[in-house]
Structures are given as structure tokens and as C-alpha cells.
N, C-alpha and C. Protein backbone atom coordinates (compact mmCIF):
# COMPACT_ATOMS: atom_id res chain seq x y z
N MET A 1 70.26 37.91 110.04
CA MET A 1 68.92 38.01 109.49
C MET A 1 69.04 38.37 108.01
N SER A 2 68.28 37.67 107.17
CA SER A 2 68.32 38.00 105.75
C SER A 2 67.48 39.24 105.48
N ARG A 3 67.79 39.90 104.40
CA ARG A 3 67.07 41.13 104.06
C ARG A 3 65.91 40.79 103.13
N LEU A 4 64.86 41.55 103.28
CA LEU A 4 63.64 41.36 102.53
C LEU A 4 63.69 42.25 101.30
N SER A 5 63.36 41.72 100.13
CA SER A 5 63.28 42.56 98.94
C SER A 5 61.83 43.06 98.80
N VAL A 6 61.71 44.37 98.60
CA VAL A 6 60.40 45.03 98.62
C VAL A 6 60.20 45.85 97.36
N PHE A 7 58.96 45.83 96.85
CA PHE A 7 58.54 46.64 95.72
C PHE A 7 57.46 47.58 96.24
N VAL A 8 57.58 48.88 95.94
CA VAL A 8 56.66 49.89 96.46
C VAL A 8 55.76 50.40 95.33
N VAL A 9 54.46 50.43 95.59
CA VAL A 9 53.49 51.00 94.64
C VAL A 9 52.92 52.25 95.30
N GLU A 10 53.45 53.40 94.88
CA GLU A 10 53.09 54.69 95.47
C GLU A 10 53.28 55.77 94.41
N ASP A 11 52.26 56.60 94.20
CA ASP A 11 52.35 57.60 93.14
C ASP A 11 52.95 58.93 93.58
N SER A 12 53.00 59.22 94.85
CA SER A 12 53.58 60.48 95.32
C SER A 12 55.09 60.32 95.47
N PRO A 13 55.87 61.07 94.66
CA PRO A 13 57.33 60.94 94.76
C PRO A 13 57.86 61.23 96.16
N THR A 14 57.31 62.22 96.83
CA THR A 14 57.78 62.59 98.16
C THR A 14 57.51 61.48 99.16
N ILE A 15 56.29 60.98 99.17
CA ILE A 15 55.94 59.89 100.09
C ILE A 15 56.77 58.66 99.77
N ARG A 16 56.91 58.35 98.48
CA ARG A 16 57.67 57.17 98.07
C ARG A 16 59.13 57.27 98.54
N GLN A 17 59.76 58.41 98.31
CA GLN A 17 61.16 58.59 98.71
C GLN A 17 61.32 58.47 100.23
N ASN A 18 60.40 59.09 100.97
CA ASN A 18 60.47 59.01 102.43
C ASN A 18 60.22 57.59 102.93
N LEU A 19 59.28 56.90 102.31
CA LEU A 19 58.99 55.52 102.70
C LEU A 19 60.19 54.62 102.44
N ILE A 20 60.77 54.74 101.26
CA ILE A 20 61.92 53.92 100.91
C ILE A 20 63.08 54.17 101.88
N ALA A 21 63.34 55.44 102.17
CA ALA A 21 64.43 55.78 103.10
C ALA A 21 64.15 55.20 104.48
N THR A 22 62.92 55.31 104.94
CA THR A 22 62.55 54.78 106.26
C THR A 22 62.69 53.27 106.29
N LEU A 23 62.15 52.60 105.28
CA LEU A 23 62.23 51.14 105.23
C LEU A 23 63.67 50.65 105.24
N GLU A 24 64.50 51.24 104.39
CA GLU A 24 65.88 50.76 104.26
C GLU A 24 66.73 51.10 105.48
N GLU A 25 66.36 52.16 106.19
CA GLU A 25 67.12 52.54 107.38
C GLU A 25 66.65 51.80 108.63
N MET A 26 65.35 51.56 108.74
CA MET A 26 64.79 51.06 109.99
C MET A 26 64.41 49.58 109.98
N ALA A 27 64.45 48.94 108.82
CA ALA A 27 64.06 47.53 108.72
C ALA A 27 65.06 46.80 107.82
N PRO A 28 65.12 45.48 107.93
CA PRO A 28 66.02 44.71 107.07
C PRO A 28 65.43 44.57 105.66
N VAL A 29 65.41 45.69 104.94
CA VAL A 29 64.70 45.78 103.67
C VAL A 29 65.61 46.38 102.59
N ASP A 30 65.53 45.82 101.40
CA ASP A 30 66.11 46.42 100.20
C ASP A 30 64.96 46.67 99.23
N VAL A 31 64.73 47.93 98.89
CA VAL A 31 63.68 48.25 97.92
C VAL A 31 64.26 48.00 96.53
N VAL A 32 63.63 47.10 95.78
CA VAL A 32 64.16 46.68 94.49
C VAL A 32 63.44 47.31 93.31
N GLY A 33 62.39 48.09 93.59
CA GLY A 33 61.68 48.75 92.50
C GLY A 33 60.44 49.44 93.00
N PHE A 34 59.82 50.19 92.07
CA PHE A 34 58.58 50.87 92.42
C PHE A 34 57.76 51.10 91.16
N ALA A 35 56.47 51.35 91.36
CA ALA A 35 55.56 51.72 90.28
C ALA A 35 54.68 52.84 90.81
N GLU A 36 54.24 53.69 89.88
CA GLU A 36 53.39 54.83 90.24
C GLU A 36 51.93 54.61 89.90
N ASP A 37 51.63 53.55 89.14
CA ASP A 37 50.24 53.29 88.76
C ASP A 37 49.97 51.79 88.75
N ALA A 38 48.70 51.44 88.66
CA ALA A 38 48.31 50.04 88.75
C ALA A 38 48.88 49.20 87.60
N ASP A 39 48.82 49.71 86.38
CA ASP A 39 49.31 48.91 85.24
C ASP A 39 50.80 48.61 85.37
N GLY A 40 51.58 49.60 85.75
CA GLY A 40 53.02 49.38 85.94
C GLY A 40 53.30 48.39 87.05
N ALA A 41 52.53 48.50 88.14
CA ALA A 41 52.71 47.59 89.26
C ALA A 41 52.35 46.17 88.86
N ILE A 42 51.24 46.00 88.18
CA ILE A 42 50.81 44.66 87.76
C ILE A 42 51.83 44.05 86.81
N ALA A 43 52.33 44.83 85.86
CA ALA A 43 53.31 44.32 84.91
C ALA A 43 54.55 43.78 85.62
N GLU A 44 54.99 44.47 86.66
CA GLU A 44 56.18 44.04 87.39
C GLU A 44 55.89 42.91 88.37
N LEU A 45 54.82 43.06 89.14
CA LEU A 45 54.56 42.13 90.24
C LEU A 45 53.99 40.80 89.80
N ALA A 46 53.38 40.74 88.63
CA ALA A 46 52.76 39.50 88.16
C ALA A 46 53.76 38.57 87.48
N ARG A 47 55.02 38.98 87.41
CA ARG A 47 56.03 38.11 86.80
C ARG A 47 56.19 36.83 87.62
N ASN A 48 56.68 35.79 86.95
CA ASN A 48 56.91 34.53 87.63
C ASN A 48 58.37 34.13 87.43
N PRO A 49 59.17 34.09 88.46
CA PRO A 49 58.83 34.35 89.85
C PRO A 49 58.69 35.85 90.11
N PRO A 50 58.01 36.21 91.21
CA PRO A 50 57.86 37.62 91.55
C PRO A 50 59.22 38.28 91.75
N PRO A 51 59.31 39.58 91.47
CA PRO A 51 60.60 40.27 91.56
C PRO A 51 61.01 40.64 92.98
N CYS A 52 60.20 40.24 93.97
CA CYS A 52 60.48 40.66 95.35
C CYS A 52 59.79 39.70 96.32
N ASP A 53 60.05 39.92 97.60
CA ASP A 53 59.40 39.14 98.65
C ASP A 53 58.08 39.76 99.08
N LEU A 54 58.00 41.09 99.01
CA LEU A 54 56.85 41.82 99.55
C LEU A 54 56.54 43.02 98.68
N ALA A 55 55.24 43.22 98.39
CA ALA A 55 54.78 44.43 97.71
C ALA A 55 54.05 45.30 98.74
N ILE A 56 54.41 46.57 98.78
CA ILE A 56 53.71 47.54 99.63
C ILE A 56 52.92 48.43 98.68
N VAL A 57 51.59 48.41 98.80
CA VAL A 57 50.70 49.00 97.81
C VAL A 57 49.81 50.08 98.44
N ASP A 58 49.79 51.26 97.82
CA ASP A 58 48.84 52.30 98.23
C ASP A 58 47.51 52.03 97.53
N VAL A 59 46.42 52.46 98.13
CA VAL A 59 45.10 52.23 97.52
C VAL A 59 44.83 53.21 96.39
N LEU A 60 45.03 54.50 96.67
CA LEU A 60 44.73 55.52 95.67
C LEU A 60 45.97 55.85 94.86
N LEU A 61 45.88 55.65 93.55
CA LEU A 61 46.97 55.94 92.63
C LEU A 61 46.47 56.90 91.55
N ARG A 62 47.36 57.54 90.84
CA ARG A 62 46.95 58.46 89.78
C ARG A 62 46.16 57.74 88.69
N ARG A 63 46.63 56.56 88.31
CA ARG A 63 45.93 55.74 87.31
C ARG A 63 45.72 54.36 87.90
N GLY A 64 44.48 53.96 87.95
CA GLY A 64 44.16 52.68 88.56
C GLY A 64 44.20 52.82 90.07
N SER A 65 44.16 51.67 90.74
CA SER A 65 44.19 51.70 92.20
C SER A 65 44.93 50.48 92.73
N GLY A 66 45.27 50.56 94.00
CA GLY A 66 45.89 49.41 94.65
C GLY A 66 44.96 48.22 94.68
N VAL A 67 43.66 48.48 94.68
CA VAL A 67 42.67 47.40 94.63
C VAL A 67 42.83 46.62 93.32
N ASP A 68 43.06 47.34 92.21
CA ASP A 68 43.30 46.68 90.92
C ASP A 68 44.53 45.77 91.00
N VAL A 69 45.56 46.24 91.68
CA VAL A 69 46.79 45.45 91.83
C VAL A 69 46.50 44.19 92.64
N LEU A 70 45.82 44.34 93.77
CA LEU A 70 45.48 43.18 94.60
C LEU A 70 44.65 42.16 93.83
N LYS A 71 43.65 42.66 93.08
CA LYS A 71 42.80 41.75 92.29
C LYS A 71 43.62 40.99 91.26
N ALA A 72 44.50 41.68 90.56
CA ALA A 72 45.30 41.04 89.52
C ALA A 72 46.22 39.98 90.11
N LEU A 73 46.82 40.27 91.24
CA LEU A 73 47.71 39.28 91.86
C LEU A 73 46.92 38.07 92.36
N ARG A 74 45.74 38.32 92.90
CA ARG A 74 44.90 37.21 93.36
C ARG A 74 44.47 36.34 92.18
N GLU A 75 44.03 36.98 91.09
CA GLU A 75 43.59 36.24 89.90
C GLU A 75 44.70 35.38 89.31
N ARG A 76 45.93 35.85 89.42
CA ARG A 76 47.06 35.10 88.87
C ARG A 76 47.61 34.07 89.86
N GLY A 77 47.05 34.05 91.06
CA GLY A 77 47.52 33.10 92.07
C GLY A 77 48.93 33.40 92.55
N SER A 78 49.29 34.66 92.56
CA SER A 78 50.65 35.05 92.94
C SER A 78 50.95 34.69 94.39
N PRO A 79 52.12 34.10 94.63
CA PRO A 79 52.52 33.77 96.00
C PRO A 79 53.10 34.98 96.74
N LEU A 80 53.20 36.08 96.05
CA LEU A 80 53.82 37.29 96.60
C LEU A 80 53.08 37.79 97.83
N ARG A 81 53.82 38.09 98.88
CA ARG A 81 53.23 38.73 100.05
C ARG A 81 52.92 40.17 99.68
N ARG A 82 51.79 40.68 100.19
CA ARG A 82 51.42 42.05 99.89
C ARG A 82 50.74 42.69 101.07
N VAL A 83 51.09 43.96 101.28
CA VAL A 83 50.44 44.76 102.31
C VAL A 83 49.98 46.06 101.67
N VAL A 84 48.99 46.65 102.29
CA VAL A 84 48.47 47.94 101.84
C VAL A 84 48.90 48.98 102.85
N LEU A 85 49.40 50.10 102.35
CA LEU A 85 49.77 51.25 103.17
C LEU A 85 49.01 52.44 102.60
N THR A 86 48.04 52.95 103.36
CA THR A 86 47.14 53.96 102.82
C THR A 86 46.76 54.99 103.87
N ASN A 87 46.30 56.13 103.41
CA ASN A 87 45.74 57.15 104.30
C ASN A 87 44.27 56.86 104.59
N TYR A 88 43.72 55.87 103.93
CA TYR A 88 42.28 55.58 104.03
C TYR A 88 42.04 54.19 104.61
N ALA A 89 42.65 53.92 105.75
CA ALA A 89 42.56 52.60 106.36
C ALA A 89 41.32 52.48 107.24
N THR A 90 40.17 52.76 106.66
CA THR A 90 38.92 52.57 107.39
C THR A 90 38.66 51.08 107.53
N SER A 91 37.72 50.71 108.37
CA SER A 91 37.43 49.29 108.55
C SER A 91 36.93 48.67 107.25
N LEU A 92 36.16 49.41 106.46
CA LEU A 92 35.67 48.90 105.18
C LEU A 92 36.82 48.66 104.20
N VAL A 93 37.74 49.62 104.10
CA VAL A 93 38.90 49.47 103.21
C VAL A 93 39.77 48.30 103.67
N ARG A 94 39.98 48.21 104.97
CA ARG A 94 40.79 47.10 105.50
C ARG A 94 40.17 45.75 105.12
N GLU A 95 38.88 45.60 105.38
CA GLU A 95 38.20 44.34 105.08
C GLU A 95 38.27 44.01 103.59
N HIS A 96 38.05 45.01 102.75
CA HIS A 96 38.07 44.80 101.30
C HIS A 96 39.46 44.36 100.84
N CYS A 97 40.49 45.04 101.31
CA CYS A 97 41.86 44.70 100.90
C CYS A 97 42.26 43.32 101.40
N LEU A 98 41.90 42.99 102.62
CA LEU A 98 42.21 41.65 103.14
C LEU A 98 41.48 40.57 102.35
N ALA A 99 40.24 40.85 101.95
CA ALA A 99 39.47 39.89 101.15
C ALA A 99 40.10 39.69 99.77
N LEU A 100 40.82 40.69 99.28
CA LEU A 100 41.47 40.60 97.98
C LEU A 100 42.89 40.05 98.06
N GLY A 101 43.30 39.62 99.24
CA GLY A 101 44.59 38.96 99.35
C GLY A 101 45.69 39.74 100.04
N ALA A 102 45.40 40.95 100.53
CA ALA A 102 46.42 41.65 101.30
C ALA A 102 46.65 40.90 102.60
N ASP A 103 47.91 40.79 102.99
CA ASP A 103 48.23 40.12 104.25
C ASP A 103 47.94 41.02 105.44
N ARG A 104 48.18 42.30 105.26
CA ARG A 104 47.94 43.30 106.31
C ARG A 104 47.60 44.63 105.65
N VAL A 105 46.98 45.52 106.43
CA VAL A 105 46.68 46.88 105.99
C VAL A 105 47.17 47.83 107.07
N PHE A 106 47.96 48.83 106.67
CA PHE A 106 48.53 49.80 107.60
C PHE A 106 48.11 51.21 107.18
N ASP A 107 47.90 52.06 108.18
CA ASP A 107 47.56 53.46 107.95
C ASP A 107 48.86 54.26 107.88
N LYS A 108 49.02 55.06 106.83
CA LYS A 108 50.23 55.86 106.66
C LYS A 108 50.47 56.81 107.82
N SER A 109 49.39 57.33 108.37
CA SER A 109 49.55 58.37 109.38
C SER A 109 49.88 57.85 110.77
N GLY A 110 49.65 56.57 111.04
CA GLY A 110 49.90 56.14 112.40
C GLY A 110 50.38 54.72 112.58
N GLU A 111 50.59 54.00 111.49
CA GLU A 111 50.96 52.60 111.63
C GLU A 111 52.22 52.20 110.88
N VAL A 112 53.07 53.18 110.59
CA VAL A 112 54.32 52.87 109.89
C VAL A 112 55.22 51.98 110.75
N GLU A 113 55.20 52.20 112.06
CA GLU A 113 55.99 51.34 112.95
C GLU A 113 55.50 49.89 112.87
N GLY A 114 54.20 49.71 112.72
CA GLY A 114 53.66 48.36 112.54
C GLY A 114 54.14 47.73 111.25
N LEU A 115 54.22 48.54 110.19
CA LEU A 115 54.75 48.05 108.91
C LEU A 115 56.21 47.64 109.07
N LEU A 116 57.00 48.45 109.75
CA LEU A 116 58.41 48.11 109.97
C LEU A 116 58.55 46.82 110.76
N ALA A 117 57.73 46.66 111.79
CA ALA A 117 57.76 45.43 112.59
C ALA A 117 57.35 44.22 111.74
N TYR A 118 56.36 44.42 110.87
CA TYR A 118 55.93 43.34 109.98
C TYR A 118 57.07 42.93 109.04
N CYS A 119 57.75 43.90 108.47
CA CYS A 119 58.89 43.61 107.58
C CYS A 119 59.98 42.85 108.34
N GLU A 120 60.24 43.27 109.56
CA GLU A 120 61.26 42.60 110.36
C GLU A 120 60.86 41.15 110.65
N SER A 121 59.59 40.93 110.97
CA SER A 121 59.16 39.55 111.26
C SER A 121 59.22 38.68 110.01
N LEU A 122 58.90 39.25 108.84
CA LEU A 122 59.03 38.48 107.60
C LEU A 122 60.48 38.12 107.31
N ALA A 123 61.36 39.07 107.54
CA ALA A 123 62.79 38.82 107.30
C ALA A 123 63.30 37.75 108.25
N GLU A 124 62.84 37.77 109.48
CA GLU A 124 63.26 36.75 110.46
C GLU A 124 62.79 35.36 110.06
N THR A 125 61.57 35.28 109.53
CA THR A 125 61.02 33.98 109.13
C THR A 125 61.77 33.43 107.92
N ARG A 126 62.28 34.30 107.08
CA ARG A 126 63.02 33.86 105.89
C ARG A 126 64.41 33.39 106.24
N ALA A 127 64.95 33.86 107.37
CA ALA A 127 66.34 33.54 107.73
C ALA A 127 66.53 32.07 108.07
């Protein structure tokens, strides 16, 4: 199975470090970079070609939001796969993120296993 290259957009260093460790240990994933704010994420992720196979984006960031990142990628027609991982995965947030081009939305508190399974299925499809 080929490994998936992932870019993480998360402003909390603790959550980011734990997420990266979990992804790289439990899924066929190599984290190739991260950003702490929307502008940094957009600058990296909007490159052509994209720097990764999948972007994992939090909604609430210190500066800007994951929604800004999703909008920018949609406006640029980016082929990059993107998922949202948030503590605020209400039905309204899920619908809004999916409408902006997120492939999936996962709740940090209870759906990390779903995110890992999603990463594994993407890696299998690429193989």
C-alpha cells in the first residue's frame, strides 16, 4: 500500500503533535507539513501541484479559519482532497464545510478512528 502525504492545519501545538503521531503510527500517512493559520495554509496548499494528497483542516484557527482555507481551495479549483477535523462538528458546520468542498468532516472528540479509516482507504485507492 502506498503512503498518503498529508498536510495538517491546526493551531494548537499539543493537538497537532498528537494528531501527527497518531496519523503516522496508525495509518499509512506521512505528514509533510503544517500551518497554524489560514494564510499560511492557503499559501502552501494552493500551490500547483499541491504539496500533498490530503489536507486535514481545523475550523477554528488563531488567525482566519478553516472555512477560509476551504473557500480559497475551492476558488482556485484545487484537486487536493480535504477533510475537516474539528471540535465543532455540528450538522450545520458539517453541511457548510461539505458545501465548500470538504470531502468529509470528522469530530476530534469521537471520530478520529473514522479519519484513520478514511486515510487508509485513500491510500489503498492510490496503490
